[in-house]
Structures are given as structure tokens and as C-alpha cells.
């Protein structure tokens, strides 16, 4: 633990660089017990890009390193809210279609709907708290 603390600035730089090109480094840091400090805003842009590109492996790795997805959702609510709302609407629409058409429903659905519904499910699997702030938003409550 003392070694990790003494190299904290170097490790933060390593995490930043590893997010894009070397995800195994994030796994190794997690294995060694490394946890990100409370100040995590420097990773917001990269995590947001990962969410947008549906690179959930990186999002999950960052979460394992102590990146608070709940706090991230609060800081990035303006950017995340439309993405989350679209995913939830698609999820609801696919559930209605499934009920109406039976067990084979959704097999012909567009890839975008399938993609956004699976994105919501994947984010909820990683950390459900990420969705809490969106559930309190005006956009969701009007839905």
C-alpha cells in the first residue's frame, strides 16, 4: 500500500494512458489493490467516451479501481441523461413489442434498439447507482 501511495501521480498517469490502449494494466492495478483517489474528474471525458462507444469493459475496470459511476453520473448528467433516456425508452418499447408478438419478438428489431437496451442493462450490471440521478430527472419523470 505504501508503494502505491508513493507513486500515486505516476499511477494516475498510467491509468489515464491504459484506458485507451492497455486495459490489462487496469486489471493488474486492481489485482495489486490500487484504488483511485476521491478526486476522479480527470477521467470523466475518457469514461464518457467509453460509455458512448459502449466499451463497457473499460467502464467496469474503472469501477473496480474505485471510479464512482454515481458521482460521474452527477457530474456528467447533461451528457448522460439523453443517452440513458433513449436506452430506457428503447427497453420499454422492446418489452411492449415482446409482449404483443410473443417469444419470437425482437428478432427483427433494429440493431440500434438492441444496442441501446443492452447498453442500459450492462451499465446497470456494473453499477445501478449510475442510473439513480437519471430516475430523478425531469426527462425521466415526464416519460
N, C-alpha and C. Protein backbone atom coordinates (compact mmCIF):
# COMPACT_ATOMS: atom_id res chain seq x y z
N UNK A 1 0.82 -1.19 0.00
CA UNK A 1 0.00 0.00 0.00
C UNK A 1 0.87 1.26 0.00
N UNK A 2 1.96 1.23 0.75
CA UNK A 2 2.86 2.39 0.81
C UNK A 2 3.50 2.65 -0.56
N UNK A 3 3.82 1.59 -1.28
CA UNK A 3 4.40 1.75 -2.61
C UNK A 3 3.40 2.43 -3.54
N UNK A 4 2.14 1.98 -3.48
CA UNK A 4 1.10 2.58 -4.32
C UNK A 4 0.92 4.05 -3.98
N UNK A 5 0.95 4.38 -2.71
CA UNK A 5 0.80 5.78 -2.28
C UNK A 5 1.98 6.64 -2.73
N UNK A 6 3.17 6.09 -2.66
CA UNK A 6 4.35 6.89 -3.02
C UNK A 6 4.42 7.17 -4.52
N UNK A 7 3.79 6.34 -5.31
CA UNK A 7 3.78 6.53 -6.77
C UNK A 7 2.42 6.96 -7.28
N UNK A 8 1.65 7.64 -6.47
CA UNK A 8 0.26 7.97 -6.83
C UNK A 8 0.15 8.80 -8.11
N UNK A 9 0.98 9.80 -8.29
CA UNK A 9 0.86 10.63 -9.50
C UNK A 9 1.23 9.83 -10.75
N UNK A 10 2.25 8.99 -10.64
CA UNK A 10 2.64 8.15 -11.77
C UNK A 10 1.55 7.12 -12.10
N UNK A 11 0.93 6.59 -11.06
CA UNK A 11 -0.14 5.61 -11.27
C UNK A 11 -1.37 6.25 -11.91
N UNK A 12 -1.68 7.47 -11.53
CA UNK A 12 -2.80 8.18 -12.17
C UNK A 12 -2.54 8.39 -13.66
N UNK A 13 -1.32 8.76 -13.99
CA UNK A 13 -0.95 8.91 -15.39
C UNK A 13 -1.04 7.57 -16.11
N UNK A 14 -0.61 6.52 -15.46
CA UNK A 14 -0.66 5.18 -16.03
C UNK A 14 -2.11 4.76 -16.30
N UNK A 15 -3.01 5.05 -15.37
CA UNK A 15 -4.42 4.73 -15.55
C UNK A 15 -4.98 5.47 -16.75
N UNK A 16 -4.65 6.76 -16.86
CA UNK A 16 -5.13 7.56 -18.00
C UNK A 16 -4.70 6.97 -19.33
N UNK A 17 -3.45 6.61 -19.41
CA UNK A 17 -2.93 6.06 -20.66
C UNK A 17 -3.46 4.65 -20.93
N UNK A 18 -3.66 3.88 -19.88
CA UNK A 18 -4.09 2.49 -20.03
C UNK A 18 -5.55 2.38 -20.47
N UNK A 19 -6.35 3.37 -20.18
CA UNK A 19 -7.78 3.29 -20.51
C UNK A 19 -8.00 3.07 -22.00
N UNK A 20 -7.20 3.69 -22.82
CA UNK A 20 -7.39 3.59 -24.27
C UNK A 20 -6.68 2.40 -24.89
N UNK A 21 -5.46 2.17 -24.47
CA UNK A 21 -4.64 1.23 -25.22
C UNK A 21 -4.25 -0.05 -24.48
N UNK A 22 -4.25 -0.03 -23.16
CA UNK A 22 -3.73 -1.18 -22.41
C UNK A 22 -4.64 -1.55 -21.25
N UNK A 23 -5.81 -2.12 -21.55
CA UNK A 23 -6.75 -2.43 -20.48
C UNK A 23 -6.21 -3.43 -19.46
N UNK A 24 -5.27 -4.27 -19.85
CA UNK A 24 -4.69 -5.23 -18.92
C UNK A 24 -3.97 -4.55 -17.77
N UNK A 25 -3.46 -3.35 -18.00
CA UNK A 25 -2.80 -2.60 -16.93
C UNK A 25 -3.81 -2.24 -15.84
N UNK A 26 -5.03 -1.90 -16.24
CA UNK A 26 -6.07 -1.60 -15.26
C UNK A 26 -6.39 -2.83 -14.41
N UNK A 27 -6.45 -3.98 -15.07
CA UNK A 27 -6.69 -5.23 -14.34
C UNK A 27 -5.55 -5.52 -13.36
N UNK A 28 -4.32 -5.29 -13.79
CA UNK A 28 -3.16 -5.53 -12.93
C UNK A 28 -3.18 -4.59 -11.72
N UNK A 29 -3.51 -3.32 -11.95
CA UNK A 29 -3.59 -2.37 -10.84
C UNK A 29 -4.67 -2.78 -9.85
N UNK A 30 -5.79 -3.25 -10.36
CA UNK A 30 -6.86 -3.73 -9.48
C UNK A 30 -6.38 -4.93 -8.67
N UNK A 31 -5.70 -5.84 -9.33
CA UNK A 31 -5.17 -7.03 -8.67
C UNK A 31 -4.21 -6.65 -7.54
N UNK A 32 -3.45 -5.59 -7.75
CA UNK A 32 -2.48 -5.14 -6.75
C UNK A 32 -3.14 -4.36 -5.61
N UNK A 33 -4.43 -4.10 -5.74
CA UNK A 33 -5.14 -3.39 -4.68
C UNK A 33 -5.18 -1.89 -4.85
N UNK A 34 -4.79 -1.40 -6.01
CA UNK A 34 -4.80 0.05 -6.24
C UNK A 34 -6.23 0.56 -6.32
N UNK A 35 -6.48 1.70 -5.69
CA UNK A 35 -7.76 2.37 -5.75
C UNK A 35 -7.53 3.83 -6.13
N UNK A 36 -8.37 4.35 -7.00
CA UNK A 36 -8.27 5.74 -7.41
C UNK A 36 -8.55 6.66 -6.23
N UNK A 37 -7.94 7.83 -6.22
CA UNK A 37 -8.25 8.79 -5.15
C UNK A 37 -9.67 9.33 -5.34
N UNK A 38 -10.16 10.05 -4.35
CA UNK A 38 -11.52 10.59 -4.42
C UNK A 38 -11.69 11.59 -5.55
N UNK A 39 -10.67 12.31 -5.90
CA UNK A 39 -10.72 13.28 -6.99
C UNK A 39 -10.58 12.52 -8.32
N UNK A 40 -11.69 12.35 -9.02
CA UNK A 40 -11.69 11.48 -10.20
C UNK A 40 -12.14 12.17 -11.47
N UNK A 41 -12.39 13.46 -11.42
CA UNK A 41 -12.92 14.17 -12.57
C UNK A 41 -12.02 14.12 -13.80
N UNK A 42 -10.75 13.91 -13.59
CA UNK A 42 -9.83 13.88 -14.72
C UNK A 42 -10.12 12.72 -15.66
N UNK A 43 -10.86 11.72 -15.20
CA UNK A 43 -11.19 10.56 -16.02
C UNK A 43 -12.56 10.66 -16.68
N UNK A 44 -13.31 11.72 -16.38
CA UNK A 44 -14.68 11.83 -16.88
C UNK A 44 -14.77 11.76 -18.40
N UNK A 45 -13.93 12.50 -19.11
CA UNK A 45 -14.02 12.52 -20.57
C UNK A 45 -13.77 11.13 -21.15
N UNK A 46 -12.78 10.43 -20.63
CA UNK A 46 -12.47 9.10 -21.15
C UNK A 46 -13.57 8.09 -20.81
N UNK A 47 -14.14 8.17 -19.60
CA UNK A 47 -15.22 7.25 -19.24
C UNK A 47 -16.47 7.56 -20.06
N UNK A 48 -16.75 8.85 -20.27
CA UNK A 48 -17.89 9.24 -21.10
C UNK A 48 -17.72 8.71 -22.52
N UNK A 49 -16.52 8.83 -23.06
CA UNK A 49 -16.26 8.28 -24.39
C UNK A 49 -16.46 6.77 -24.42
N UNK A 50 -16.06 6.10 -23.36
CA UNK A 50 -16.26 4.64 -23.27
C UNK A 50 -17.74 4.29 -23.21
N UNK A 51 -18.52 5.08 -22.47
CA UNK A 51 -19.97 4.83 -22.41
C UNK A 51 -20.59 5.05 -23.78
N UNK A 52 -20.22 6.14 -24.42
CA UNK A 52 -20.78 6.44 -25.76
C UNK A 52 -20.43 5.35 -26.78
N UNK A 53 -19.21 4.84 -26.71
CA UNK A 53 -18.80 3.82 -27.67
C UNK A 53 -19.17 2.41 -27.20
N UNK A 54 -19.85 2.34 -26.05
CA UNK A 54 -20.28 1.08 -25.45
C UNK A 54 -19.11 0.14 -25.16
N UNK A 55 -18.02 0.75 -24.72
CA UNK A 55 -16.86 -0.01 -24.25
C UNK A 55 -17.02 -0.24 -22.75
N UNK A 56 -17.89 -1.17 -22.42
CA UNK A 56 -18.24 -1.38 -21.01
C UNK A 56 -17.16 -2.11 -20.24
N UNK A 57 -16.25 -2.77 -20.93
CA UNK A 57 -15.13 -3.43 -20.24
C UNK A 57 -14.27 -2.37 -19.55
N UNK A 58 -14.02 -1.26 -20.23
CA UNK A 58 -13.24 -0.17 -19.63
C UNK A 58 -13.99 0.47 -18.49
N UNK A 59 -15.30 0.69 -18.67
CA UNK A 59 -16.12 1.28 -17.61
C UNK A 59 -16.08 0.38 -16.37
N UNK A 60 -16.21 -0.92 -16.59
CA UNK A 60 -16.19 -1.86 -15.47
C UNK A 60 -14.82 -1.88 -14.78
N UNK A 61 -13.76 -1.84 -15.57
CA UNK A 61 -12.41 -1.82 -14.98
C UNK A 61 -12.21 -0.57 -14.12
N UNK A 62 -12.67 0.57 -14.62
CA UNK A 62 -12.54 1.81 -13.85
C UNK A 62 -13.36 1.73 -12.57
N UNK A 63 -14.53 1.13 -12.64
CA UNK A 63 -15.36 0.96 -11.46
C UNK A 63 -14.65 0.08 -10.43
N UNK A 64 -13.98 -0.96 -10.88
CA UNK A 64 -13.24 -1.83 -9.97
C UNK A 64 -12.08 -1.11 -9.30
N UNK A 65 -11.56 -0.09 -9.98
CA UNK A 65 -10.48 0.71 -9.40
C UNK A 65 -11.00 1.80 -8.46
N UNK A 66 -12.31 1.81 -8.27
CA UNK A 66 -12.89 2.77 -7.34
C UNK A 66 -13.46 4.01 -7.99
N UNK A 67 -13.54 4.03 -9.33
CA UNK A 67 -14.15 5.17 -10.01
C UNK A 67 -15.64 5.15 -9.69
N UNK A 68 -16.15 6.23 -9.11
CA UNK A 68 -17.55 6.28 -8.70
C UNK A 68 -18.43 6.64 -9.90
N UNK A 69 -19.14 5.67 -10.40
CA UNK A 69 -20.05 5.92 -11.52
C UNK A 69 -21.23 6.78 -11.09
N UNK A 70 -21.61 6.70 -9.84
CA UNK A 70 -22.69 7.54 -9.32
C UNK A 70 -22.27 9.01 -9.35
N UNK A 71 -21.08 9.29 -8.83
CA UNK A 71 -20.58 10.67 -8.86
C UNK A 71 -20.36 11.14 -10.30
N UNK A 72 -19.86 10.26 -11.13
CA UNK A 72 -19.66 10.56 -12.55
C UNK A 72 -20.98 10.95 -13.19
N UNK A 73 -22.04 10.19 -12.91
CA UNK A 73 -23.35 10.49 -13.48
C UNK A 73 -23.84 11.86 -13.03
N UNK A 74 -23.53 12.23 -11.79
CA UNK A 74 -23.89 13.56 -11.31
C UNK A 74 -23.14 14.66 -12.03
N UNK A 75 -21.85 14.44 -12.24
CA UNK A 75 -21.04 15.46 -12.93
C UNK A 75 -21.38 15.54 -14.41
N UNK A 76 -21.77 14.45 -15.00
CA UNK A 76 -22.00 14.38 -16.45
C UNK A 76 -23.48 14.21 -16.80
N UNK A 77 -24.36 14.65 -15.93
CA UNK A 77 -25.79 14.42 -16.13
C UNK A 77 -26.30 15.00 -17.45
N UNK A 78 -25.82 16.16 -17.83
CA UNK A 78 -26.27 16.78 -19.08
C UNK A 78 -25.92 15.89 -20.28
N UNK A 79 -24.75 15.29 -20.26
CA UNK A 79 -24.32 14.43 -21.36
C UNK A 79 -24.97 13.05 -21.30
N UNK A 80 -25.09 12.51 -20.10
CA UNK A 80 -25.58 11.13 -19.94
C UNK A 80 -27.09 11.00 -20.04
N UNK A 81 -27.81 11.99 -19.58
CA UNK A 81 -29.26 11.87 -19.49
C UNK A 81 -29.93 11.50 -20.81
N UNK A 82 -29.59 12.16 -21.93
CA UNK A 82 -30.22 11.76 -23.20
C UNK A 82 -29.86 10.32 -23.60
N UNK A 83 -28.63 9.89 -23.34
CA UNK A 83 -28.23 8.53 -23.67
C UNK A 83 -29.00 7.51 -22.84
N UNK A 84 -29.10 7.78 -21.54
CA UNK A 84 -29.82 6.87 -20.65
C UNK A 84 -31.31 6.84 -20.98
N UNK A 85 -31.87 8.02 -21.25
CA UNK A 85 -33.30 8.07 -21.56
C UNK A 85 -33.62 7.30 -22.83
N UNK A 86 -32.79 7.45 -23.85
CA UNK A 86 -33.02 6.71 -25.09
C UNK A 86 -32.96 5.21 -24.84
N UNK A 87 -32.00 4.79 -24.06
CA UNK A 87 -31.88 3.37 -23.74
C UNK A 87 -33.08 2.84 -22.97
N UNK A 88 -33.57 3.63 -22.02
CA UNK A 88 -34.74 3.20 -21.25
C UNK A 88 -36.00 3.16 -22.11
N UNK A 89 -36.15 4.15 -22.99
CA UNK A 89 -37.31 4.15 -23.88
C UNK A 89 -37.26 2.95 -24.82
N UNK A 90 -36.08 2.67 -25.37
CA UNK A 90 -35.94 1.51 -26.24
C UNK A 90 -36.22 0.21 -25.48
N UNK A 91 -35.77 0.16 -24.24
CA UNK A 91 -36.01 -1.02 -23.41
C UNK A 91 -37.51 -1.23 -23.19
N UNK A 92 -38.21 -0.15 -22.89
CA UNK A 92 -39.66 -0.24 -22.69
C UNK A 92 -40.37 -0.64 -23.98
N UNK A 93 -39.96 -0.05 -25.09
CA UNK A 93 -40.58 -0.38 -26.37
C UNK A 93 -40.33 -1.84 -26.74
N UNK A 94 -39.15 -2.34 -26.49
CA UNK A 94 -38.87 -3.74 -26.82
C UNK A 94 -39.65 -4.68 -25.92
N UNK A 95 -39.90 -4.27 -24.68
CA UNK A 95 -40.70 -5.09 -23.77
C UNK A 95 -42.15 -5.14 -24.24
N UNK A 96 -42.68 -4.02 -24.71
CA UNK A 96 -44.06 -3.98 -25.21
C UNK A 96 -44.18 -4.83 -26.46
N UNK A 97 -43.22 -4.71 -27.37
CA UNK A 97 -43.24 -5.50 -28.60
C UNK A 97 -43.16 -6.98 -28.27
N UNK A 98 -42.32 -7.35 -27.31
CA UNK A 98 -42.18 -8.75 -26.91
C UNK A 98 -43.49 -9.30 -26.38
N UNK A 99 -44.19 -8.51 -25.58
CA UNK A 99 -45.47 -8.96 -25.04
C UNK A 99 -46.50 -9.12 -26.13
N UNK A 100 -46.50 -8.20 -27.10
CA UNK A 100 -47.50 -8.22 -28.16
C UNK A 100 -47.25 -9.33 -29.17
N UNK A 101 -45.99 -9.60 -29.47
CA UNK A 101 -45.68 -10.52 -30.56
C UNK A 101 -45.27 -11.91 -30.09
N UNK A 102 -45.08 -12.10 -28.83
CA UNK A 102 -44.74 -13.43 -28.34
C UNK A 102 -43.25 -13.66 -28.23
N UNK A 103 -42.85 -14.93 -28.09
CA UNK A 103 -41.44 -15.25 -27.81
C UNK A 103 -40.47 -14.94 -28.94
N UNK A 104 -40.93 -14.84 -30.17
CA UNK A 104 -40.02 -14.55 -31.28
C UNK A 104 -39.87 -13.06 -31.53
N UNK A 105 -40.50 -12.24 -30.72
CA UNK A 105 -40.45 -10.80 -30.90
C UNK A 105 -39.03 -10.28 -30.72
N UNK A 106 -38.76 -9.22 -31.44
CA UNK A 106 -37.47 -8.57 -31.28
C UNK A 106 -36.36 -9.14 -32.13
N UNK A 107 -36.58 -10.28 -32.77
CA UNK A 107 -35.52 -10.86 -33.59
C UNK A 107 -35.26 -10.02 -34.83
N UNK A 108 -36.30 -9.31 -35.29
CA UNK A 108 -36.14 -8.46 -36.46
C UNK A 108 -35.95 -7.00 -36.08
N UNK A 109 -35.77 -6.71 -34.81
CA UNK A 109 -35.65 -5.32 -34.38
C UNK A 109 -34.36 -4.71 -34.90
N UNK A 110 -34.37 -3.39 -34.98
CA UNK A 110 -33.18 -2.71 -35.48
C UNK A 110 -32.04 -2.88 -34.50
N UNK A 111 -30.84 -2.84 -35.01
CA UNK A 111 -29.67 -3.03 -34.16
C UNK A 111 -29.51 -1.91 -33.16
N UNK A 112 -29.96 -0.70 -33.51
CA UNK A 112 -29.84 0.43 -32.59
C UNK A 112 -30.64 0.23 -31.33
N UNK A 113 -31.85 -0.29 -31.46
CA UNK A 113 -32.68 -0.54 -30.29
C UNK A 113 -32.04 -1.62 -29.43
N UNK A 114 -31.62 -2.70 -30.04
CA UNK A 114 -30.97 -3.78 -29.30
C UNK A 114 -29.72 -3.26 -28.62
N UNK A 115 -28.96 -2.45 -29.32
CA UNK A 115 -27.71 -1.92 -28.79
C UNK A 115 -27.96 -1.03 -27.57
N UNK A 116 -28.94 -0.12 -27.65
CA UNK A 116 -29.15 0.79 -26.53
C UNK A 116 -29.79 0.08 -25.34
N UNK A 117 -30.63 -0.93 -25.58
CA UNK A 117 -31.20 -1.65 -24.45
C UNK A 117 -30.14 -2.49 -23.75
N UNK A 118 -29.27 -3.10 -24.53
CA UNK A 118 -28.21 -3.88 -23.89
C UNK A 118 -27.23 -2.95 -23.17
N UNK A 119 -27.06 -1.73 -23.67
CA UNK A 119 -26.19 -0.76 -23.00
C UNK A 119 -26.74 -0.40 -21.62
N UNK A 120 -28.03 -0.16 -21.53
CA UNK A 120 -28.64 0.16 -20.24
C UNK A 120 -28.49 -1.02 -19.28
N UNK A 121 -28.73 -2.21 -19.78
CA UNK A 121 -28.60 -3.40 -18.93
C UNK A 121 -27.16 -3.56 -18.44
N UNK A 122 -26.21 -3.33 -19.32
CA UNK A 122 -24.80 -3.50 -18.97
C UNK A 122 -24.36 -2.46 -17.93
N UNK A 123 -24.78 -1.21 -18.12
CA UNK A 123 -24.45 -0.18 -17.14
C UNK A 123 -25.07 -0.50 -15.78
N UNK A 124 -26.30 -1.00 -15.78
CA UNK A 124 -26.95 -1.37 -14.52
C UNK A 124 -26.22 -2.53 -13.85
N UNK A 125 -25.69 -3.45 -14.64
CA UNK A 125 -24.93 -4.56 -14.07
C UNK A 125 -23.64 -4.06 -13.40
N UNK A 126 -23.01 -3.09 -14.01
CA UNK A 126 -21.75 -2.56 -13.47
C UNK A 126 -22.02 -1.79 -12.18
N UNK A 127 -22.98 -0.87 -12.21
CA UNK A 127 -23.32 -0.08 -11.02
C UNK A 127 -24.68 0.58 -11.22
N UNK A 128 -25.69 0.01 -10.61
CA UNK A 128 -27.06 0.54 -10.74
C UNK A 128 -27.18 1.98 -10.26
N UNK A 129 -26.32 2.35 -9.33
CA UNK A 129 -26.40 3.71 -8.79
C UNK A 129 -26.17 4.76 -9.86
N UNK A 130 -25.54 4.38 -10.95
CA UNK A 130 -25.30 5.31 -12.05
C UNK A 130 -26.62 5.83 -12.63
N UNK A 131 -27.67 5.02 -12.54
CA UNK A 131 -28.97 5.38 -13.11
C UNK A 131 -29.83 6.19 -12.13
N UNK A 132 -29.48 6.22 -10.85
CA UNK A 132 -30.33 6.85 -9.84
C UNK A 132 -30.64 8.31 -10.16
N UNK A 133 -29.65 9.09 -10.48
CA UNK A 133 -29.88 10.51 -10.74
C UNK A 133 -30.76 10.72 -11.96
N UNK A 134 -30.61 9.84 -12.94
CA UNK A 134 -31.47 9.96 -14.12
C UNK A 134 -32.93 9.68 -13.76
N UNK A 135 -33.16 8.73 -12.86
CA UNK A 135 -34.52 8.41 -12.46
C UNK A 135 -35.19 9.57 -11.73
N UNK A 136 -34.40 10.49 -11.21
CA UNK A 136 -34.94 11.67 -10.54
C UNK A 136 -35.07 12.86 -11.48
N UNK A 137 -34.58 12.73 -12.71
CA UNK A 137 -34.58 13.85 -13.65
C UNK A 137 -35.97 14.14 -14.20
N UNK A 138 -36.17 15.36 -14.62
CA UNK A 138 -37.44 15.78 -15.21
C UNK A 138 -37.74 14.98 -16.47
N UNK A 139 -36.72 14.75 -17.26
CA UNK A 139 -36.89 14.00 -18.52
C UNK A 139 -37.45 12.60 -18.26
N UNK A 140 -36.92 11.91 -17.25
CA UNK A 140 -37.40 10.59 -16.94
C UNK A 140 -38.80 10.64 -16.34
N UNK A 141 -39.04 11.58 -15.43
CA UNK A 141 -40.34 11.66 -14.77
C UNK A 141 -41.45 11.99 -15.75
N UNK A 142 -41.15 12.76 -16.79
CA UNK A 142 -42.16 13.05 -17.82
C UNK A 142 -42.41 11.85 -18.72
N UNK A 143 -41.43 10.97 -18.81
CA UNK A 143 -41.54 9.77 -19.63
C UNK A 143 -42.57 8.84 -19.03
